[in-house]
C-alpha atoms as a PDB file:
ATOM      1  CA  MET A   1     -18.597   0.740  61.708  1.00  0.00           C
ATOM      2  CA  LYS A   2     -16.428   0.392  64.798  1.00  0.00           C
ATOM      3  CA  ALA A   3     -12.731   0.292  65.625  1.00  0.00           C
ATOM      4  CA  ALA A   4     -10.354  -0.417  68.479  1.00  0.00           C
ATOM      5  CA  LEU A   5      -7.461   2.047  68.693  1.00  0.00           C
ATOM      6  CA  LEU A   6      -4.904   0.664  71.120  1.00  0.00           C
ATOM      7  CA  VAL A   7      -2.820   3.481  72.612  1.00  0.00           C
ATOM      8  CA  ALA A   8      -2.208   2.521  76.242  1.00  0.00           C
ATOM      9  CA  GLY A   9       1.513   1.761  75.983  1.00  0.00           C
ATOM     10  CA  LEU A  10       4.056   3.267  78.346  1.00  0.00           C
ATOM     11  CA  GLY A  11       6.400   4.565  75.641  1.00  0.00           C
ATOM     12  CA  THR A  12       9.486   3.724  77.690  1.00  0.00           C
ATOM     13  CA  ARG A  13      11.863   3.822  74.706  1.00  0.00           C
ATOM     14  CA  LEU A  14      10.841   7.410  73.947  1.00  0.00           C
ATOM     15  CA  ARG A  15      11.703   8.810  77.348  1.00  0.00           C
ATOM     16  CA  PRO A  16      12.114  11.592  78.346  1.00  0.00           C
ATOM     17  CA  ILE A  17       9.511  12.688  75.739  1.00  0.00           C
ATOM     18  CA  THR A  18       6.892  10.324  77.134  1.00  0.00           C
ATOM     19  CA  GLU A  19       7.429  11.235  80.773  1.00  0.00           C
ATOM     20  CA  HIS A  20       4.809  13.961  80.316  1.00  0.00           C
ATOM     21  CA  THR A  21       3.347  13.220  76.877  1.00  0.00           C
ATOM     22  CA  PRO A  22       1.660   9.887  76.092  1.00  0.00           C
ATOM     23  CA  LYS A  23       3.094   8.235  72.998  1.00  0.00           C
ATOM     24  CA  CYS A  24      -0.161   8.607  71.058  1.00  0.00           C
ATOM     25  CA  LEU A  25       0.056  12.407  71.440  1.00  0.00           C
ATOM     26  CA  VAL A  26       3.652  12.736  70.270  1.00  0.00           C
ATOM     27  CA  PRO A  27       3.526  15.116  67.279  1.00  0.00           C
ATOM     28  CA  ILE A  28       4.249  14.018  63.701  1.00  0.00           C
ATOM     29  CA  ASN A  29       4.876  17.129  61.607  1.00  0.00           C
ATOM     30  CA  GLY A  30       3.047  19.147  64.239  1.00  0.00           C
ATOM     31  CA  ARG A  31       0.022  16.817  64.533  1.00  0.00           C
ATOM     32  CA  PRO A  32      -0.441  14.271  67.321  1.00  0.00           C
ATOM     33  CA  LEU A  33      -0.287  10.707  66.046  1.00  0.00           C
ATOM     34  CA  LEU A  34      -3.704  10.125  67.609  1.00  0.00           C
ATOM     35  CA  ALA A  35      -5.196  12.886  65.438  1.00  0.00           C
ATOM     36  CA  ILE A  36      -3.830  11.231  62.297  1.00  0.00           C
ATOM     37  CA  TRP A  37      -5.467   7.916  63.190  1.00  0.00           C
ATOM     38  CA  LEU A  38      -8.786   9.493  64.140  1.00  0.00           C
ATOM     39  CA  GLU A  39      -8.911  11.259  60.790  1.00  0.00           C
ATOM     40  CA  LYS A  40      -8.157   8.011  58.960  1.00  0.00           C
ATOM     41  CA  LEU A  41     -10.926   6.223  60.853  1.00  0.00           C
ATOM     42  CA  VAL A  42     -13.496   8.916  60.071  1.00  0.00           C
ATOM     43  CA  ASN A  43     -12.496   8.893  56.399  1.00  0.00           C
ATOM     44  CA  ALA A  44     -13.062   5.121  56.376  1.00  0.00           C
ATOM     45  CA  GLY A  45     -16.594   5.484  57.715  1.00  0.00           C
ATOM     46  CA  VAL A  46     -15.937   4.540  61.330  1.00  0.00           C
ATOM     47  CA  THR A  47     -18.515   6.104  63.661  1.00  0.00           C
ATOM     48  CA  GLN A  48     -17.471   4.571  67.009  1.00  0.00           C
ATOM     49  CA  VAL A  49     -14.002   3.897  68.316  1.00  0.00           C
ATOM     50  CA  LEU A  50     -12.862   2.268  71.539  1.00  0.00           C
ATOM     51  CA  ILE A  51      -9.627   3.772  72.865  1.00  0.00           C
ATOM     52  CA  ASN A  52      -7.829   2.149  75.777  1.00  0.00           C
ATOM     53  CA  THR A  53      -5.816   4.230  78.242  1.00  0.00           C
ATOM     54  CA  HIS A  54      -3.263   3.570  80.961  1.00  0.00           C
ATOM     55  CA  TRP A  55      -0.194   5.794  81.115  1.00  0.00           C
ATOM     56  CA  LEU A  56      -1.091   9.510  81.390  1.00  0.00           C
ATOM     57  CA  ALA A  57      -4.729   8.591  80.826  1.00  0.00           C
ATOM     58  CA  GLU A  58      -6.056  11.993  81.896  1.00  0.00           C
ATOM     59  CA  THR A  59      -3.909  13.712  79.278  1.00  0.00           C
ATOM     60  CA  VAL A  60      -5.453  11.534  76.572  1.00  0.00           C
ATOM     61  CA  MET A  61      -8.943  12.195  77.933  1.00  0.00           C
ATOM     62  CA  ASP A  62      -8.372  15.955  77.990  1.00  0.00           C
ATOM     63  CA  TYR A  63      -7.149  15.899  74.391  1.00  0.00           C
ATOM     64  CA  LEU A  64     -10.158  13.931  73.160  1.00  0.00           C
ATOM     65  CA  GLU A  65     -12.624  16.245  74.896  1.00  0.00           C
ATOM     66  CA  THR A  66     -11.796  19.036  72.455  1.00  0.00           C
ATOM     67  CA  ASN A  67     -10.228  17.211  69.499  1.00  0.00           C
ATOM     68  CA  THR A  68     -12.571  14.362  68.607  1.00  0.00           C
ATOM     69  CA  PRO A  69     -13.666  14.677  64.956  1.00  0.00           C
ATOM     70  CA  ARG A  70     -17.313  15.401  64.291  1.00  0.00           C
ATOM     71  CA  GLY A  71     -19.346  12.269  63.691  1.00  0.00           C
ATOM     72  CA  LEU A  72     -17.063  10.025  65.726  1.00  0.00           C
ATOM     73  CA  LYS A  73     -18.056   8.726  69.148  1.00  0.00           C
ATOM     74  CA  VAL A  74     -15.182   7.777  71.433  1.00  0.00           C
ATOM     75  CA  HIS A  75     -15.531   5.082  74.085  1.00  0.00           C
ATOM     76  CA  LEU A  76     -12.683   5.261  76.605  1.00  0.00           C
ATOM     77  CA  PHE A  77     -11.608   2.072  78.341  1.00  0.00           C
ATOM     78  CA  HIS A  78      -9.162   2.629  81.184  1.00  0.00           C
ATOM     79  CA  GLU A  79      -6.826  -0.204  82.155  1.00  0.00           C
ATOM     80  CA  PRO A  80      -5.318   0.150  85.637  1.00  0.00           C
ATOM     81  CA  ARG A  81      -3.390  -2.992  84.691  1.00  0.00           C
ATOM     82  CA  LEU A  82      -2.519  -3.477  81.028  1.00  0.00           C
ATOM     83  CA  LEU A  83      -4.525  -6.373  79.587  1.00  0.00           C
ATOM     84  CA  GLY A  84      -2.553  -6.854  76.386  1.00  0.00           C
ATOM     85  CA  SER A  85      -3.815  -6.083  72.893  1.00  0.00           C
ATOM     86  CA  ALA A  86      -6.149  -9.099  72.742  1.00  0.00           C
ATOM     87  CA  GLY A  87      -7.128  -8.732  76.397  1.00  0.00           C
ATOM     88  CA  THR A  88      -8.506  -5.265  75.693  1.00  0.00           C
ATOM     89  CA  LEU A  89     -10.609  -6.636  72.852  1.00  0.00           C
ATOM     90  CA  LEU A  90     -11.907  -9.536  74.906  1.00  0.00           C
ATOM     91  CA  ALA A  91     -12.930  -7.243  77.778  1.00  0.00           C
ATOM     92  CA  ASN A  92     -15.037  -5.302  75.267  1.00  0.00           C
ATOM     93  CA  ARG A  93     -16.348  -8.223  73.234  1.00  0.00           C
ATOM     94  CA  GLU A  94     -19.952  -7.010  73.252  1.00  0.00           C
ATOM     95  CA  PHE A  95     -18.926  -3.643  71.799  1.00  0.00           C
ATOM     96  CA  PHE A  96     -17.641  -5.402  68.675  1.00  0.00           C
ATOM     97  CA  ALA A  97     -20.509  -7.865  68.271  1.00  0.00           C
ATOM     98  CA  ASP A  98     -22.377  -6.200  65.407  1.00  0.00           C
ATOM     99  CA  GLY A  99     -20.010  -6.479  62.441  1.00  0.00           C
ATOM    100  CA  PRO A 100     -16.440  -6.272  61.113  1.00  0.00           C
ATOM    101  CA  PHE A 101     -14.195  -3.896  63.055  1.00  0.00           C
ATOM    102  CA  PHE A 102     -10.754  -2.366  62.780  1.00  0.00           C
ATOM    103  CA  ILE A 103      -7.992  -3.157  65.253  1.00  0.00           C
ATOM    104  CA  ILE A 104      -5.166  -0.622  65.125  1.00  0.00           C
ATOM    105  CA  TYR A 105      -2.007  -0.243  67.170  1.00  0.00           C
ATOM    106  CA  GLY A 106      -2.026   3.516  67.644  1.00  0.00           C
ATOM    107  CA  ASP A 107       1.729   3.836  68.198  1.00  0.00           C
ATOM    108  CA  ASN A 108       2.453   3.105  64.529  1.00  0.00           C
ATOM    109  CA  LEU A 109       2.405   5.547  61.628  1.00  0.00           C
ATOM    110  CA  SER A 110       1.178   4.246  58.288  1.00  0.00           C
ATOM    111  CA  ASP A 111       0.094   5.344  54.817  1.00  0.00           C
ATOM    112  CA  VAL A 112      -2.710   2.760  54.817  1.00  0.00           C
ATOM    113  CA  ASN A 113      -6.023   3.750  53.257  1.00  0.00           C
ATOM    114  CA  LEU A 114      -8.446   2.170  55.718  1.00  0.00           C
ATOM    115  CA  ALA A 115     -11.488   2.600  53.484  1.00  0.00           C
ATOM    116  CA  GLN A 116      -9.883   0.574  50.701  1.00  0.00           C
ATOM    117  CA  MET A 117      -8.638  -2.010  53.169  1.00  0.00           C
ATOM    118  CA  TYR A 118     -12.210  -2.396  54.412  1.00  0.00           C
ATOM    119  CA  GLN A 119     -13.502  -2.795  50.852  1.00  0.00           C
ATOM    120  CA  CYS A 120     -11.064  -5.656  50.347  1.00  0.00           C
ATOM    121  CA  HIS A 121     -12.115  -7.266  53.605  1.00  0.00           C
ATOM    122  CA  ARG A 122     -15.767  -7.164  52.566  1.00  0.00           C
ATOM    123  CA  ARG A 123     -14.901  -8.597  49.174  1.00  0.00           C
ATOM    124  CA  TYR A 124     -13.203 -11.722  50.539  1.00  0.00           C
ATOM    125  CA  GLN A 125     -14.751 -11.861  54.037  1.00  0.00           C
ATOM    126  CA  PRO A 126     -11.922 -13.647  55.877  1.00  0.00           C
ATOM    127  CA  LEU A 127     -12.041 -14.048  59.631  1.00  0.00           C
ATOM    128  CA  LEU A 128      -9.173 -11.546  59.825  1.00  0.00           C
ATOM    129  CA  THR A 129      -7.548  -9.247  57.301  1.00  0.00           C
ATOM    130  CA  LEU A 130      -3.894  -8.963  58.264  1.00  0.00           C
ATOM    131  CA  GLY A 131      -2.141  -5.740  57.287  1.00  0.00           C
ATOM    132  CA  THR A 132       1.521  -6.429  56.530  1.00  0.00           C
ATOM    133  CA  PHE A 133       4.635  -4.509  55.515  1.00  0.00           C
ATOM    134  CA  ALA A 134       8.122  -5.446  54.338  1.00  0.00           C
ATOM    135  CA  SER A 135      10.324  -5.364  57.436  1.00  0.00           C
ATOM    136  CA  ASP A 136      14.062  -4.708  57.481  1.00  0.00           C
ATOM    137  CA  CYS A 137      14.282  -6.612  60.792  1.00  0.00           C
ATOM    138  CA  PRO A 138      11.913  -9.593  60.518  1.00  0.00           C
ATOM    139  CA  GLN A 139      13.434 -11.228  63.613  1.00  0.00           C
ATOM    140  CA  LYS A 140      11.805  -8.475  65.668  1.00  0.00           C
ATOM    141  CA  CYS A 141       8.331  -8.790  64.137  1.00  0.00           C
ATOM    142  CA  GLY A 142       5.417 -11.138  63.740  1.00  0.00           C
ATOM    143  CA  ILE A 143       6.108 -12.767  60.375  1.00  0.00           C
ATOM    144  CA  ALA A 144       3.474 -14.151  58.011  1.00  0.00           C
ATOM    145  CA  GLU A 145       3.818 -16.844  55.374  1.00  0.00           C
ATOM    146  CA  ILE A 146       1.476 -15.953  52.515  1.00  0.00           C
ATOM    147  CA  ASP A 147       0.481 -18.091  49.526  1.00  0.00           C
ATOM    148  CA  SER A 148      -0.136 -16.957  45.949  1.00  0.00           C
ATOM    149  CA  GLU A 149      -3.834 -16.344  46.701  1.00  0.00           C
ATOM    150  CA  GLY A 150      -3.106 -13.966  49.582  1.00  0.00           C
ATOM    151  CA  ILE A 151      -4.076 -16.454  52.294  1.00  0.00           C
ATOM    152  CA  VAL A 152      -1.934 -16.494  55.433  1.00  0.00           C
ATOM    153  CA  LYS A 153      -0.590 -20.044  55.707  1.00  0.00           C
ATOM    154  CA  GLY A 154       1.757 -19.528  58.628  1.00  0.00           C
ATOM    155  CA  PHE A 155       2.653 -17.011  61.304  1.00  0.00           C
ATOM    156  CA  MET A 156       5.368 -16.760  63.944  1.00  0.00           C
ATOM    157  CA  GLU A 157       6.077 -13.950  66.385  1.00  0.00           C
ATOM    158  CA  LYS A 158       9.732 -12.818  66.381  1.00  0.00           C
ATOM    159  CA  PRO A 159      11.193 -15.947  64.741  1.00  0.00           C
ATOM    160  CA  ASP A 160      14.909 -16.718  64.859  1.00  0.00           C
ATOM    161  CA  SER A 161      14.775 -17.830  61.224  1.00  0.00           C
ATOM    162  CA  PRO A 162      12.036 -15.856  59.420  1.00  0.00           C
ATOM    163  CA  VAL A 163      10.422 -17.484  56.383  1.00  0.00           C
ATOM    164  CA  SER A 164       9.802 -14.032  54.900  1.00  0.00           C
ATOM    165  CA  ASN A 165      10.020 -10.335  55.726  1.00  0.00           C
ATOM    166  CA  CYS A 166       6.231  -9.935  55.557  1.00  0.00           C
ATOM    167  CA  ALA A 167       5.522  -8.482  58.999  1.00  0.00           C
ATOM    168  CA  ALA A 168       2.272  -7.802  60.834  1.00  0.00           C
ATOM    169  CA  ALA A 169       1.615  -4.057  60.797  1.00  0.00           C
ATOM    170  CA  GLY A 170      -0.683  -3.872  63.805  1.00  0.00           C
ATOM    171  CA  ILE A 171      -3.546  -2.953  61.458  1.00  0.00           C
ATOM    172  CA  TYR A 172      -6.320  -5.533  61.190  1.00  0.00           C
ATOM    173  CA  ILE A 173      -9.979  -5.968  60.301  1.00  0.00           C
ATOM    174  CA  ALA A 174     -11.731  -8.718  62.237  1.00  0.00           C
ATOM    175  CA  GLU A 175     -15.079 -10.457  62.186  1.00  0.00           C
ATOM    176  CA  PRO A 176     -16.876 -10.745  65.555  1.00  0.00           C
ATOM    177  CA  SER A 177     -16.456 -14.534  65.401  1.00  0.00           C
ATOM    178  CA  ILE A 178     -12.735 -14.024  66.011  1.00  0.00           C
ATOM    179  CA  PHE A 179     -13.511 -14.174  69.728  1.00  0.00           C
ATOM    180  CA  ASP A 180     -14.316 -17.870  69.344  1.00  0.00           C
ATOM    181  CA  TYR A 181     -10.565 -18.390  68.880  1.00  0.00           C
ATOM    182  CA  PHE A 182      -9.441 -16.547  72.007  1.00  0.00           C
ATOM    183  CA  PRO A 183      -7.900 -18.697  74.764  1.00  0.00           C
ATOM    184  CA  ASN A 184      -9.192 -18.728  78.328  1.00  0.00           C
ATOM    185  CA  PRO A 185      -8.028 -15.385  79.788  1.00  0.00           C
ATOM    186  CA  GLU A 186      -8.015 -16.782  83.330  1.00  0.00           C
ATOM    187  CA  LYS A 187      -4.900 -18.758  82.495  1.00  0.00           C
ATOM    188  CA  GLN A 188      -2.865 -15.679  81.536  1.00  0.00           C
ATOM    189  CA  ALA A 189      -2.253 -12.247  83.008  1.00  0.00           C
ATOM    190  CA  SER A 190      -2.698 -10.694  79.559  1.00  0.00           C
ATOM    191  CA  LEU A 191      -3.473 -11.704  75.991  1.00  0.00           C
ATOM    192  CA  ASP A 192      -1.525 -10.600  72.926  1.00  0.00           C
ATOM    193  CA  ILE A 193      -2.895 -10.650  69.368  1.00  0.00           C
ATOM    194  CA  GLY A 194       0.378 -11.770  67.792  1.00  0.00           C
ATOM    195  CA  PHE A 195       1.334 -14.452  70.310  1.00  0.00           C
ATOM    196  CA  ASP A 196      -2.059 -15.731  71.476  1.00  0.00           C
ATOM    197  CA  ILE A 197      -4.605 -15.182  68.682  1.00  0.00           C
ATOM    198  CA  ILE A 198      -3.155 -15.056  65.167  1.00  0.00           C
ATOM    199  CA  PRO A 199      -1.498 -18.516  65.340  1.00  0.00           C
ATOM    200  CA  HIS A 200      -4.994 -19.993  65.814  1.00  0.00           C
ATOM    201  CA  LEU A 201      -6.273 -18.306  62.649  1.00  0.00           C
ATOM    202  CA  ILE A 202      -3.943 -19.888  60.085  1.00  0.00           C
ATOM    203  CA  GLY A 203      -5.825 -20.437  56.830  1.00  0.00           C
ATOM    204  CA  LYS A 204      -8.609 -18.095  57.931  1.00  0.00           C
ATOM    205  CA  MET A 205      -6.730 -14.824  57.287  1.00  0.00           C
ATOM    206  CA  ARG A 206      -5.898 -12.841  54.173  1.00  0.00           C
ATOM    207  CA  ASN A 207      -2.995 -10.517  53.610  1.00  0.00           C
ATOM    208  CA  TYR A 208      -3.308  -6.800  52.899  1.00  0.00           C
ATOM    209  CA  PRO A 209       0.047  -5.224  51.904  1.00  0.00           C
ATOM    210  CA  ILE A 210       0.919  -1.774  53.237  1.00  0.00           C
ATOM    211  CA  ASP A 211       3.756   0.399  51.942  1.00  0.00           C
ATOM    212  CA  LEU A 212       4.614   2.562  54.936  1.00  0.00           C
ATOM    213  CA  LEU A 213       4.732   1.434  58.553  1.00  0.00           C
ATOM    214  CA  ILE A 214       6.840   3.180  61.195  1.00  0.00           C
ATOM    215  CA  ASP A 215       6.791   2.248  64.858  1.00  0.00           C
ATOM    216  CA  ILE A 216       7.435   5.628  66.455  1.00  0.00           C
ATOM    217  CA  GLY A 217       8.479   3.975  69.709  1.00  0.00           C
ATOM    218  CA  THR A 218      12.159   4.904  69.292  1.00  0.00           C
ATOM    219  CA  HIS A 219      13.833   8.291  68.895  1.00  0.00           C
ATOM    220  CA  GLN A 220      15.345   7.187  65.573  1.00  0.00           C
ATOM    221  CA  ASN A 221      11.978   6.174  64.142  1.00  0.00           C
ATOM    222  CA  LEU A 222      10.312   9.298  65.464  1.00  0.00           C
ATOM    223  CA  ILE A 223      12.790  11.397  63.482  1.00  0.00           C
ATOM    224  CA  LYS A 224      12.120   9.229  60.422  1.00  0.00           C
ATOM    225  CA  ALA A 225       8.372   9.708  60.815  1.00  0.00           C
ATOM    226  CA  GLN A 226       8.658  13.479  60.472  1.00  0.00           C
ATOM    227  CA  SER A 227       8.932  13.030  56.690  1.00  0.00           C
ATOM    228  CA  TYR A 228       5.432  11.521  56.588  1.00  0.00           C
ATOM    229  CA  GLU A 229       3.314  12.890  53.742  1.00  0.00           C
ATOM    230  CA  PRO A 230      -0.468  12.550  54.351  1.00  0.00           C
ATOM    231  CA  GLN A 231      -1.251  12.259  50.631  1.00  0.00           C
ATOM    232  CA  LEU A 232       0.365   8.813  50.664  1.00  0.00           C
ATOM    233  CA  SER A 233      -2.850   7.561  52.246  1.00  0.00           C
ATOM    234  CA  GLU A 234      -4.559   7.858  48.847  1.00  0.00           C
ATOM    235  CA  THR A 235      -2.394   5.107  47.315  1.00  0.00           C
ATOM    236  CA  PHE A 236      -4.613   2.193  46.266  1.00  0.00           C
ATOM    237  CA  LYS A 237      -3.899  -1.230  47.697  1.00  0.00           C
ATOM    238  CA  ASP A 238      -5.428  -4.620  46.996  1.00  0.00           C
ATOM    239  CA  TYR A 239      -4.714  -8.173  48.039  1.00  0.00           C
ATOM    240  CA  GLN A 240      -1.728  -9.921  46.555  1.00  0.00           C
END
């Protein structure tokens, strides 16, 4: 199984911390956030992960040289110019051609059990399994409208009038055929999953609810994340 771990962000809101430390290596209870995600991926059965780099790329490379878990092969993809979350995937389309794969925004902290999320994806086999959480600020998130069967019937990025507080968590499982729904990249400088891809998948996605999701991109949220308890990852989730 494969995964894309997107960690190339600049981390501007976390400065001065991120002036010398990439956001994915900021410690959570003494462990880099990247280490937490790599462990989750290995526990879910992922054997190959594509990690994109940009800001402080050499620091990320140096960390992975000595801290990659056994049994996991890392494929680094450097972006001199950021391609956007969907642009990174599209540039590596062939890497993801052989089966369902995880897409994870590596600047978030979550209690999600990826193995159980994958089991649910295989059970229903949607084009995309959309991890969601209950947001306190839905106007700042990608918001999903979900029916009683767990099918995503609507989606809007950062709506002025949200239909719910069910927000995209930046944790997905996709089928390789998702690339058939990508727009022509030549028309845009970058492609974003929330703005450019998900709206084309309405009716083809299923929801997967997640309890804990913290974007560590602000100093306030970084402090909040320090109370993270790893055992929360064992909580069972299923579709609603």
